[in-house]
Amino acid sequence: MMTLLLIAASTLIGVAGFAGLLHLIPRLGAAGTRISAWLCRAPGLDLVVSLFTWFPPTVLGIVFGWRGVVGAIVGQVVGMLVWMFAHELANRTDVGGPRIVTFLNRTVGRLNNHV
């Protein structure tokens, strides 16, 4: 059980840290702008999506077996929730404006939008 929690915690830190790094890259001057532009198109975008989605469960699954897969998925989900919470706190002035969640709640229903 401890291994599973350590894997989930390390994945959470990795995912949240990588999301934070992606926010900092454009602020690094001309080089950061070039790197950011590269990450917005293939193959850079493929790399970013891979590092957020299939890479952690695959690698940790190979190394730790089923605990690695489950821990990585739990860490990814919690890491994204932490990032979303921090992002909304950092952009507090925009939270009251139009949001896609409001539109989707009206279109498909609140339960269907969140399940």
Protein backbone atom coordinates (compact mmCIF):
# COMPACT_ATOMS: atom_id res chain seq x y z
CA MET A 1 0.00 0.00 0.00
CA MET A 2 2.84 2.36 0.83
CA THR A 3 4.37 1.76 -2.62
CA LEU A 4 1.07 2.69 -4.26
CA LEU A 5 0.84 5.93 -2.27
CA LEU A 6 4.47 6.85 -3.02
CA ILE A 7 3.92 6.25 -6.73
CA ALA A 8 0.73 8.34 -6.69
CA ALA A 9 2.44 11.15 -4.75
CA SER A 10 5.47 11.22 -7.03
CA THR A 11 3.25 11.23 -10.12
CA LEU A 12 1.16 14.05 -8.63
CA ILE A 13 4.30 16.11 -8.01
CA GLY A 14 5.60 15.32 -11.49
CA VAL A 15 2.37 16.21 -13.30
CA ALA A 16 1.75 19.40 -11.30
CA GLY A 17 5.41 20.39 -11.63
CA PHE A 18 5.40 19.80 -15.38
CA ALA A 19 2.21 21.87 -15.75
CA GLY A 20 3.88 24.67 -13.77
CA LEU A 21 6.98 24.42 -15.94
CA LEU A 22 4.86 24.75 -19.07
CA HIS A 23 3.46 27.99 -17.64
CA LEU A 24 6.95 29.36 -16.99
CA ILE A 25 8.54 28.53 -20.36
CA PRO A 26 7.02 31.48 -22.33
CA ARG A 27 8.31 33.90 -19.67
CA LEU A 28 11.96 32.97 -20.31
CA GLY A 29 12.52 35.57 -23.01
CA ALA A 30 13.15 34.87 -26.68
CA ALA A 31 14.35 31.31 -26.13
CA GLY A 32 11.29 30.55 -24.01
CA THR A 33 9.02 31.93 -26.70
CA ARG A 34 10.67 29.70 -29.32
CA ILE A 35 10.42 26.64 -27.07
CA SER A 36 6.79 27.45 -26.28
CA ALA A 37 5.98 27.82 -29.99
CA TRP A 38 7.65 24.45 -30.67
CA LEU A 39 5.62 22.80 -27.90
CA CYS A 40 2.38 24.10 -29.47
CA ARG A 41 2.88 22.13 -32.71
CA ALA A 42 3.74 18.55 -33.59
CA PRO A 43 6.08 16.91 -32.53
CA GLY A 44 6.42 19.12 -29.43
CA LEU A 45 2.71 18.93 -28.66
CA ASP A 46 2.85 15.14 -29.03
CA LEU A 47 5.62 15.09 -26.44
CA VAL A 48 3.61 17.20 -23.98
CA VAL A 49 0.45 15.13 -24.42
CA SER A 50 2.45 11.91 -24.02
CA LEU A 51 4.08 13.10 -20.81
CA PHE A 52 0.67 13.95 -19.35
CA THR A 53 -1.27 10.88 -20.53
CA TRP A 54 0.30 7.53 -21.40
CA PHE A 55 3.93 7.90 -20.35
CA PRO A 56 3.58 7.76 -16.52
CA PRO A 57 1.31 4.67 -16.34
CA THR A 58 3.34 2.84 -18.97
CA VAL A 59 6.76 3.44 -17.43
CA LEU A 60 5.62 2.98 -13.85
CA GLY A 61 3.63 -0.10 -14.88
CA ILE A 62 6.76 -1.64 -16.38
CA VAL A 63 8.81 -0.82 -13.29
CA PHE A 64 6.26 -1.49 -10.50
CA GLY A 65 3.58 -3.64 -12.13
CA TRP A 66 -0.10 -3.01 -11.43
CA ARG A 67 0.74 -0.73 -8.49
CA GLY A 68 2.64 1.51 -10.89
CA VAL A 69 -0.29 1.76 -13.28
CA VAL A 70 -2.89 2.44 -10.57
CA GLY A 71 -0.62 4.82 -8.67
CA ALA A 72 0.25 6.74 -11.84
CA ILE A 73 -3.40 7.15 -12.84
CA VAL A 74 -4.39 8.29 -9.34
CA GLY A 75 -1.44 10.70 -9.30
CA GLN A 76 -2.36 12.06 -12.72
CA VAL A 77 -5.97 12.70 -11.75
CA VAL A 78 -5.07 14.36 -8.44
CA GLY A 79 -2.24 16.32 -10.12
CA MET A 80 -4.63 17.75 -12.70
CA LEU A 81 -7.17 18.62 -10.00
CA VAL A 82 -4.44 20.43 -8.03
CA TRP A 83 -3.35 22.31 -11.15
CA MET A 84 -6.94 23.31 -12.01
CA PHE A 85 -7.53 24.56 -8.46
CA ALA A 86 -4.27 26.56 -8.49
CA HIS A 87 -5.03 27.93 -11.96
CA GLU A 88 -8.47 29.14 -10.89
CA LEU A 89 -6.98 30.76 -7.78
CA ALA A 90 -4.35 32.52 -9.89
CA ASN A 91 -7.01 33.78 -12.33
CA ARG A 92 -9.69 34.67 -9.80
CA THR A 93 -10.94 37.69 -11.78
CA ASP A 94 -11.91 35.52 -14.76
CA VAL A 95 -13.82 32.86 -12.81
CA GLY A 96 -17.03 34.93 -12.80
CA GLY A 97 -16.99 35.38 -16.57
CA PRO A 98 -18.30 33.04 -19.25
CA ARG A 99 -17.05 29.48 -18.80
CA ILE A 100 -17.45 26.36 -20.87
CA VAL A 101 -18.66 24.39 -17.84
CA THR A 102 -21.77 26.60 -17.61
CA PHE A 103 -22.59 26.04 -21.28
CA LEU A 104 -22.02 22.29 -21.04
CA ASN A 105 -24.10 22.01 -17.86
CA ARG A 106 -27.01 23.63 -19.68
CA THR A 107 -26.50 21.56 -22.84
CA VAL A 108 -25.97 18.03 -21.50
CA GLY A 109 -26.93 18.42 -17.84
CA ARG A 110 -24.77 18.85 -14.76
CA LEU A 111 -24.45 15.13 -14.00
CA ASN A 112 -23.56 14.12 -17.58
CA ASN A 113 -21.01 16.92 -17.81
CA HIS A 114 -19.13 15.79 -14.71
CA VAL A 115 -19.34 12.00 -15.11
